[in-house]
Protein backbone atom coordinates (compact mmCIF):
# COMPACT_ATOMS: atom_id res chain seq x y z
CA MET A 1 1.31 -23.98 -31.82
CA PHE A 2 0.93 -26.19 -28.73
CA CYS A 3 -2.53 -26.20 -27.16
CA GLY A 4 -2.70 -27.65 -23.64
CA LYS A 5 -5.55 -29.86 -22.62
CA ARG A 6 -6.75 -27.35 -20.05
CA LYS A 7 -7.10 -24.67 -22.73
CA ALA A 8 -8.81 -27.08 -25.09
CA LEU A 9 -11.36 -28.07 -22.48
CA ARG A 10 -12.15 -24.45 -21.72
CA VAL A 11 -12.61 -23.81 -25.45
CA VAL A 12 -14.99 -26.75 -25.71
CA ALA A 13 -16.82 -25.54 -22.61
CA ARG A 14 -17.35 -22.14 -24.19
CA ALA A 15 -18.69 -23.80 -27.32
CA ALA A 16 -20.99 -25.90 -25.19
CA ARG A 17 -22.53 -22.84 -23.58
CA ASP A 18 -23.40 -21.48 -27.02
CA HIS A 19 -24.45 -24.78 -28.61
CA SER A 20 -26.44 -26.89 -26.19
CA SER A 21 -26.86 -29.67 -28.78
CA PHE A 22 -23.11 -30.35 -28.93
CA PHE A 23 -22.82 -33.89 -27.50
CA GLY A 24 -25.99 -33.22 -25.49
CA ILE A 25 -24.35 -30.63 -23.25
CA THR A 26 -26.58 -28.30 -21.27
CA GLN A 27 -26.60 -24.72 -22.44
CA LEU A 28 -24.84 -23.20 -19.47
CA GLY A 29 -23.17 -26.31 -18.10
CA LYS A 30 -21.64 -26.47 -14.65
CA PHE A 31 -18.37 -25.14 -13.36
CA VAL A 32 -16.82 -28.03 -11.44
CA HIS A 33 -17.24 -31.70 -10.64
CA ALA A 34 -14.90 -34.07 -8.87
CA SER A 35 -12.99 -36.30 -11.26
CA THR A 36 -9.58 -35.45 -12.67
CA ASN A 37 -9.06 -38.75 -14.50
CA PHE A 38 -9.46 -37.82 -18.15
CA GLU A 39 -10.50 -41.35 -19.13
CA ARG A 40 -13.46 -41.27 -16.73
CA THR A 41 -16.72 -39.98 -18.12
CA SER A 42 -17.07 -37.20 -15.54
CA ALA A 43 -13.67 -35.64 -16.20
CA LEU A 44 -14.93 -32.90 -18.48
CA GLN A 45 -17.36 -31.78 -15.82
CA VAL A 46 -14.40 -30.08 -14.14
CA PHE A 47 -14.41 -27.56 -16.97
CA GLY A 48 -18.09 -26.98 -17.48
CA LEU A 49 -19.40 -29.92 -19.50
CA GLU A 50 -22.14 -31.50 -17.49
CA HIS A 51 -23.46 -34.51 -19.37
CA ASP A 52 -21.56 -37.77 -19.45
CA GLY A 53 -22.07 -37.93 -23.21
CA ALA A 54 -19.65 -35.04 -23.64
CA ALA A 55 -16.99 -36.69 -21.53
CA GLU A 56 -17.49 -40.01 -23.29
CA ALA A 57 -17.07 -38.32 -26.66
CA LEU A 58 -13.83 -36.66 -25.67
CA ALA A 59 -12.50 -39.83 -24.03
CA GLU A 60 -13.35 -41.59 -27.29
CA ILE A 61 -11.33 -39.03 -29.21
CA CYS A 62 -8.38 -39.57 -26.88
CA ARG A 63 -8.53 -43.34 -27.20
CA ARG A 64 -9.07 -43.60 -30.95
CA GLN A 65 -7.51 -40.31 -32.00
CA ASN A 66 -7.71 -39.96 -35.80
CA GLY A 67 -10.50 -42.45 -36.40
CA SER A 68 -12.79 -40.97 -33.83
CA VAL A 69 -11.93 -37.46 -34.89
CA LYS A 70 -12.89 -38.25 -38.46
CA TYR A 71 -16.31 -39.40 -37.29
CA TYR A 72 -16.94 -36.17 -35.41
CA LEU A 73 -15.45 -34.06 -38.18
CA PHE A 74 -17.89 -35.68 -40.60
CA ALA A 75 -20.75 -34.85 -38.24
CA ALA A 76 -19.58 -31.28 -37.97
CA PHE A 77 -19.26 -30.88 -41.74
CA ALA A 78 -22.72 -32.39 -42.17
CA SER A 79 -24.17 -29.79 -39.82
CA SER A 80 -22.02 -26.99 -41.32
CA ASN A 81 -21.18 -25.91 -37.76
CA LYS A 82 -17.74 -24.35 -37.98
CA LEU A 83 -17.57 -23.61 -34.26
CA ILE A 84 -18.11 -27.26 -33.36
CA LEU A 85 -15.60 -28.28 -36.03
CA ARG A 86 -12.91 -25.96 -34.69
CA ASN A 87 -13.38 -27.07 -31.10
CA ILE A 88 -13.35 -30.77 -31.97
CA TYR A 89 -10.00 -30.16 -33.65
CA TRP A 90 -8.55 -28.43 -30.58
CA CYS A 91 -9.91 -31.20 -28.41
CA TRP A 92 -8.23 -33.86 -30.56
CA PHE A 93 -4.97 -31.87 -30.76
CA ALA A 94 -4.79 -31.56 -26.97
CA CYS A 95 -5.43 -35.27 -26.50
CA ARG A 96 -2.46 -36.06 -28.71
CA HIS A 97 -0.06 -33.63 -27.02
CA ALA A 98 -1.01 -33.46 -23.35
CA PRO A 99 -1.00 -35.84 -20.34
CA THR A 100 -4.11 -37.86 -19.57
CA THR A 101 -5.14 -36.06 -16.39
CA VAL A 102 -6.77 -32.67 -15.90
CA PRO A 103 -4.77 -30.29 -13.67
CA LEU A 104 -6.10 -29.41 -10.23
CA MET A 105 -8.12 -26.24 -9.98
CA ARG A 106 -6.07 -23.47 -8.36
CA ALA A 107 -7.62 -21.72 -5.36
CA LEU A 108 -6.38 -18.87 -3.19
CA LEU A 109 -7.20 -18.89 0.54
CA LEU A 110 -6.94 -15.49 2.22
CA ALA A 111 -7.00 -15.52 6.02
CA ASN A 112 -5.31 -14.19 9.12
CA SER A 113 -2.12 -15.80 10.30
CA GLY A 114 -2.94 -18.45 12.89
CA ASP A 115 -6.58 -18.68 11.84
CA ALA A 116 -6.47 -20.13 8.33
CA ASP A 117 -8.42 -23.37 8.76
CA ALA A 118 -11.15 -23.58 6.08
CA GLY A 119 -12.77 -26.54 7.84
CA PHE A 120 -15.81 -28.12 6.24
CA VAL A 121 -15.87 -25.61 3.38
CA GLY A 122 -12.24 -26.17 2.44
CA GLN A 123 -12.69 -29.95 2.62
CA ARG A 124 -15.61 -29.84 0.22
CA PHE A 125 -13.74 -27.66 -2.26
CA GLU A 126 -10.85 -30.13 -2.10
CA ASP A 127 -13.34 -32.91 -2.94
CA TYR A 128 -13.78 -31.02 -6.22
CA ASP A 129 -9.99 -31.04 -6.76
CA PHE A 130 -9.33 -27.45 -5.77
CA SER A 131 -5.76 -27.01 -4.53
CA PHE A 132 -5.36 -24.13 -2.08
CA THR A 133 -2.50 -21.66 -1.74
CA THR A 134 -2.84 -19.91 1.63
CA VAL A 135 -1.81 -16.27 2.07
CA HIS A 136 -2.17 -14.09 5.15
CA ARG A 137 -3.93 -10.76 5.54
CA GLU A 138 -1.01 -9.38 7.51
CA TYR A 139 1.39 -9.64 4.54
CA PRO A 140 -0.23 -8.33 1.35
CA HIS A 141 3.18 -7.90 -0.31
CA GLU A 142 3.41 -11.72 -0.38
CA TRP A 143 0.12 -12.27 -2.19
CA PRO A 144 0.29 -13.65 -5.74
CA SER A 145 -1.62 -12.20 -8.67
CA LEU A 146 -4.98 -13.68 -9.61
CA ASP A 147 -3.64 -14.97 -12.94
CA GLY A 148 -4.57 -18.63 -13.26
CA ILE A 149 -6.68 -18.61 -10.07
CA ASP A 150 -10.01 -20.46 -10.33
CA LEU A 151 -11.44 -19.58 -6.89
CA VAL A 152 -10.76 -17.21 -3.98
CA LEU A 153 -11.91 -18.09 -0.46
CA TYR A 154 -11.88 -15.32 2.17
CA LEU A 155 -12.10 -16.53 5.79
CA GLY A 156 -13.21 -14.69 8.92
CA SER A 157 -11.05 -12.46 11.08
CA ASN A 158 -10.89 -10.84 14.51
CA TRP A 159 -10.39 -7.53 12.68
CA SER A 160 -13.04 -4.99 11.80
CA VAL A 161 -13.12 -3.52 8.31
CA TYR A 162 -13.28 0.01 9.72
CA TRP A 163 -10.26 -0.21 12.07
CA ASP A 164 -7.65 2.46 11.29
CA ASN A 165 -4.70 0.24 12.19
CA VAL A 166 -5.53 -2.29 9.43
CA ALA A 167 -6.67 0.23 6.80
CA LYS A 168 -3.82 -0.58 4.40
CA ASN A 169 -4.48 -4.32 4.66
CA VAL A 170 -8.20 -3.79 4.15
CA ALA A 171 -7.49 -1.63 1.10
CA ALA A 172 -5.22 -4.31 -0.37
CA GLU A 173 -7.76 -7.08 0.17
CA SER A 174 -10.55 -4.91 -1.18
CA GLU A 175 -8.58 -4.45 -4.38
CA VAL A 176 -8.19 -8.23 -4.72
CA ILE A 177 -11.95 -8.62 -4.27
CA ARG A 178 -12.73 -5.98 -6.89
CA GLU A 179 -10.25 -7.48 -9.33
CA GLY A 180 -11.57 -11.00 -8.81
CA HIS A 181 -15.12 -9.73 -9.27
CA ARG A 182 -14.14 -7.86 -12.43
CA ARG A 183 -12.50 -10.98 -13.88
CA GLY A 184 -15.45 -13.19 -12.98
CA ILE A 185 -13.41 -15.43 -10.68
CA PRO A 186 -15.75 -17.23 -8.26
CA GLN A 187 -15.27 -15.75 -4.77
CA PHE A 188 -16.58 -17.13 -1.46
CA GLY A 189 -16.41 -15.01 1.70
CA ILE A 190 -17.12 -15.95 5.31
CA CYS A 191 -17.94 -13.55 8.19
CA PHE A 192 -15.25 -10.84 7.90
CA GLY A 193 -15.01 -12.05 4.31
CA ALA A 194 -18.64 -11.01 3.79
CA GLN A 195 -18.08 -7.65 5.45
CA ILE A 196 -15.00 -6.76 3.43
CA MET A 197 -16.63 -7.98 0.20
CA SER A 198 -19.53 -5.64 0.83
CA HIS A 199 -17.14 -2.79 1.67
CA ALA A 200 -15.05 -3.43 -1.46
CA LEU A 201 -18.01 -3.57 -3.85
CA GLY A 202 -19.88 -0.48 -2.71
CA GLY A 203 -21.71 -1.57 0.43
CA SER A 204 -20.59 -1.06 4.00
CA ALA A 205 -19.51 -2.83 7.18
CA GLU A 206 -20.41 -1.49 10.59
CA ARG A 207 -20.87 -2.45 14.22
CA ALA A 208 -23.91 -4.67 14.74
CA LYS A 209 -26.62 -3.66 17.21
CA LYS A 210 -25.86 -6.84 19.14
CA ALA A 211 -23.20 -9.53 19.04
CA GLU A 212 -24.05 -12.91 17.58
CA VAL A 213 -21.92 -15.67 19.11
CA GLY A 214 -22.80 -19.36 19.23
CA TRP A 215 -25.32 -21.37 17.23
CA HIS A 216 -28.10 -19.20 15.79
CA GLU A 217 -30.93 -19.70 13.32
CA VAL A 218 -30.63 -18.33 9.79
CA ILE A 219 -33.72 -17.94 7.64
CA ALA A 220 -33.96 -18.05 3.84
CA THR A 221 -36.64 -18.49 1.22
CA PRO A 222 -37.14 -22.00 -0.21
CA THR A 223 -35.12 -20.99 -3.25
CA TYR A 224 -32.08 -20.59 -1.02
CA GLY A 225 -33.07 -23.17 1.56
CA VAL A 226 -29.55 -24.61 1.54
CA LEU A 227 -28.52 -21.53 3.56
CA ALA A 228 -31.21 -21.88 6.23
CA GLY A 229 -30.77 -23.60 9.57
CA SER A 230 -28.68 -23.40 12.70
CA TRP A 231 -25.19 -22.05 12.00
CA MET A 232 -22.17 -21.09 14.05
CA GLN A 233 -21.76 -17.33 14.48
CA TRP A 234 -18.98 -15.29 16.06
CA HIS A 235 -19.22 -11.65 15.06
CA TYR A 236 -19.75 -8.16 16.43
CA ASP A 237 -20.05 -6.45 13.03
CA THR A 238 -22.52 -6.71 10.20
CA PHE A 239 -22.74 -5.50 6.59
CA SER A 240 -25.06 -3.68 4.22
CA ALA A 241 -25.08 -5.30 0.79
CA PRO A 242 -23.67 -3.35 -2.17
CA PRO A 243 -25.97 -1.95 -4.86
CA GLY A 244 -26.81 -4.75 -7.26
CA ALA A 245 -26.18 -7.51 -4.71
CA GLN A 246 -28.94 -9.85 -3.60
CA VAL A 247 -29.42 -10.68 0.09
CA LEU A 248 -30.18 -14.41 0.25
CA ALA A 249 -30.53 -15.08 3.99
CA LEU A 250 -31.18 -13.18 7.23
CA SER A 251 -31.07 -13.43 11.01
CA ASP A 252 -32.20 -11.13 13.80
CA THR A 253 -29.01 -9.10 13.49
CA GLY A 254 -29.06 -8.49 9.73
CA PRO A 255 -27.97 -10.03 6.40
CA GLN A 256 -26.52 -13.54 6.57
CA ALA A 257 -25.71 -14.21 2.92
CA MET A 258 -25.39 -12.22 -0.28
CA GLN A 259 -24.56 -12.79 -3.94
CA MET A 260 -23.32 -10.37 -6.57
CA GLY A 261 -22.49 -12.14 -9.82
CA ARG A 262 -19.92 -14.81 -9.03
CA THR A 263 -19.13 -13.26 -5.66
CA PHE A 264 -20.89 -14.86 -2.69
CA ALA A 265 -20.54 -14.56 1.08
CA THR A 266 -22.04 -15.73 4.35
CA GLN A 267 -22.01 -13.86 7.65
CA PHE A 268 -22.29 -17.20 9.46
CA HIS A 269 -19.51 -19.81 9.62
CA PRO A 270 -20.31 -22.90 7.52
CA GLU A 271 -16.66 -23.98 7.79
CA ALA A 272 -16.73 -24.22 11.61
CA ASN A 273 -15.92 -27.68 12.97
CA GLU A 274 -15.14 -28.65 16.56
CA ALA A 275 -11.40 -27.98 16.20
CA ILE A 276 -11.97 -24.48 14.80
CA ILE A 277 -14.44 -23.54 17.52
CA SER A 278 -12.16 -24.92 20.23
CA HIS A 279 -9.40 -22.70 18.83
CA TRP A 280 -11.66 -19.65 18.88
CA MET A 281 -12.61 -20.34 22.51
CA SER A 282 -9.00 -20.24 23.69
CA GLY A 283 -7.28 -17.07 24.89
CA GLN A 284 -9.26 -13.92 24.13
CA GLY A 285 -12.21 -16.02 22.97
CA ALA A 286 -12.78 -17.31 26.49
CA ALA A 287 -12.99 -13.73 27.79
CA GLU A 288 -15.46 -12.86 25.02
CA LEU A 289 -17.69 -15.78 25.99
CA ALA A 290 -17.56 -14.75 29.66
CA ALA A 291 -18.60 -11.22 28.74
CA LEU A 292 -21.66 -12.72 27.02
CA ASP A 293 -22.46 -15.02 29.99
CA MET A 294 -21.47 -18.06 27.96
CA THR A 295 -19.11 -20.87 28.94
CA PRO A 296 -16.71 -22.83 26.73
CA SER A 297 -18.10 -26.13 28.01
CA THR A 298 -21.67 -25.22 27.05
CA LEU A 299 -20.61 -24.02 23.59
CA ILE A 300 -18.51 -27.09 22.84
CA GLU A 301 -21.34 -29.37 23.98
CA ARG A 302 -23.74 -27.64 21.62
CA THR A 303 -21.11 -27.76 18.88
CA ARG A 304 -20.73 -31.53 19.19
CA ALA A 305 -24.47 -31.86 18.80
CA GLU A 306 -24.50 -29.66 15.66
CA VAL A 307 -21.40 -30.36 13.59
CA GLU A 308 -22.44 -33.68 12.05
CA ARG A 309 -25.44 -31.93 10.52
CA SER A 310 -23.67 -28.63 9.82
CA GLY A 311 -20.73 -30.36 8.15
CA ARG A 312 -23.06 -31.99 5.62
CA ALA A 313 -24.96 -28.73 5.21
CA ALA A 314 -21.70 -26.84 4.56
CA GLY A 315 -20.87 -29.30 1.81
CA LEU A 316 -24.27 -28.64 0.25
CA ILE A 317 -23.58 -24.90 0.30
CA VAL A 318 -20.32 -25.48 -1.59
CA ASP A 319 -22.16 -27.71 -4.07
CA TRP A 320 -24.81 -25.03 -4.54
CA PHE A 321 -22.16 -22.33 -4.90
CA LEU A 322 -20.31 -24.21 -7.63
CA HIS A 323 -23.45 -25.09 -9.54
CA ASN A 324 -25.34 -21.80 -9.20
CA VAL A 325 -22.97 -18.97 -8.31
CA ALA A 326 -19.72 -19.93 -10.01
CA THR A 327 -21.63 -20.47 -13.26
CA THR A 328 -23.45 -17.11 -13.21
CA PRO A 329 -23.12 -15.63 -16.72
CA MET A 330 -20.84 -12.63 -16.88
CA PRO A 331 -22.22 -9.43 -18.43
CA LYS A 332 -21.00 -8.84 -21.93
CA PRO A 333 -18.62 -5.91 -22.42
CA LYS A 334 -20.13 -2.86 -23.99
CA ALA A 335 -19.55 -2.39 -27.69
CA LEU A 336 -16.76 -0.02 -28.57
CA GLY A 337 -18.86 1.68 -31.20
CA HIS A 338 -17.27 3.40 -34.21
CA LEU A 339 -13.53 3.83 -33.88
CA PHE A 340 -13.44 6.44 -36.58
CA THR A 341 -15.70 9.37 -37.29
CA ARG A 342 -16.25 11.18 -40.51
């Protein structure tokens, strides 16, 4: 039976999580790193193998094939570790039958039509070789299934979760969120994305006591210091985190970041670059700024002073997300118990 390289790498990654001594791999590993060139030592990091020793070993298998495999098979027999033995075989088999590059990671971007720019966040995910398919909230019948999806990114919206006229769309997106959460697919939500994630997973979204528009300070404990700082905000709603979720950051108006397993969201806009904010300020956005006694010129001036720093900081949030959220261990399914009774 043919075993693709992608499957083989995932098998080896699973073995690595259980056997931290295997080629010096860390026990839990990491979810994603940048390289897709299988001959480079960091290639395996894409699939959860952190240390270069692991990648070097697999590259060695690919280059030498049988000879190298025999060496590792001997080591496996000597240690009587059948799991390592089986996964070395699959690794060798894939190297003989598959191309020499690792496929791109498949990501789904869910956003409103006309406002689907993932900005700094999308750029950083693409640095890790995520390839985005964009779908629009207005057309849920066009959305693909989550089969084969490695990441879902939910952008902001000018909608409110509780609006009656978008109830069907909100219900459809909520189902995607619950299904992605159930499967353990890493999910990253922004602004409306945070609100609908909370709504979908048992929390709530409601009107905030005051609007938060412009650059505002976000506070976080040192553990989550990557989330702290001055961030772009443009929202009139807020959320209450679901039971079991952890609030990681706050502002004067309420929660600013939460995590629940491999699902993570920010109320603020780490993706916002100058082009995105200029787009938001056009049309209805200009009227919103006027209602808040703000001017487009003042906001864009502040934005130009912030985005060099915030762009780097957004990249660090993506890095942190991939290394700490996307790798969160999934709970084990409950045992079925006895299938038969006497």
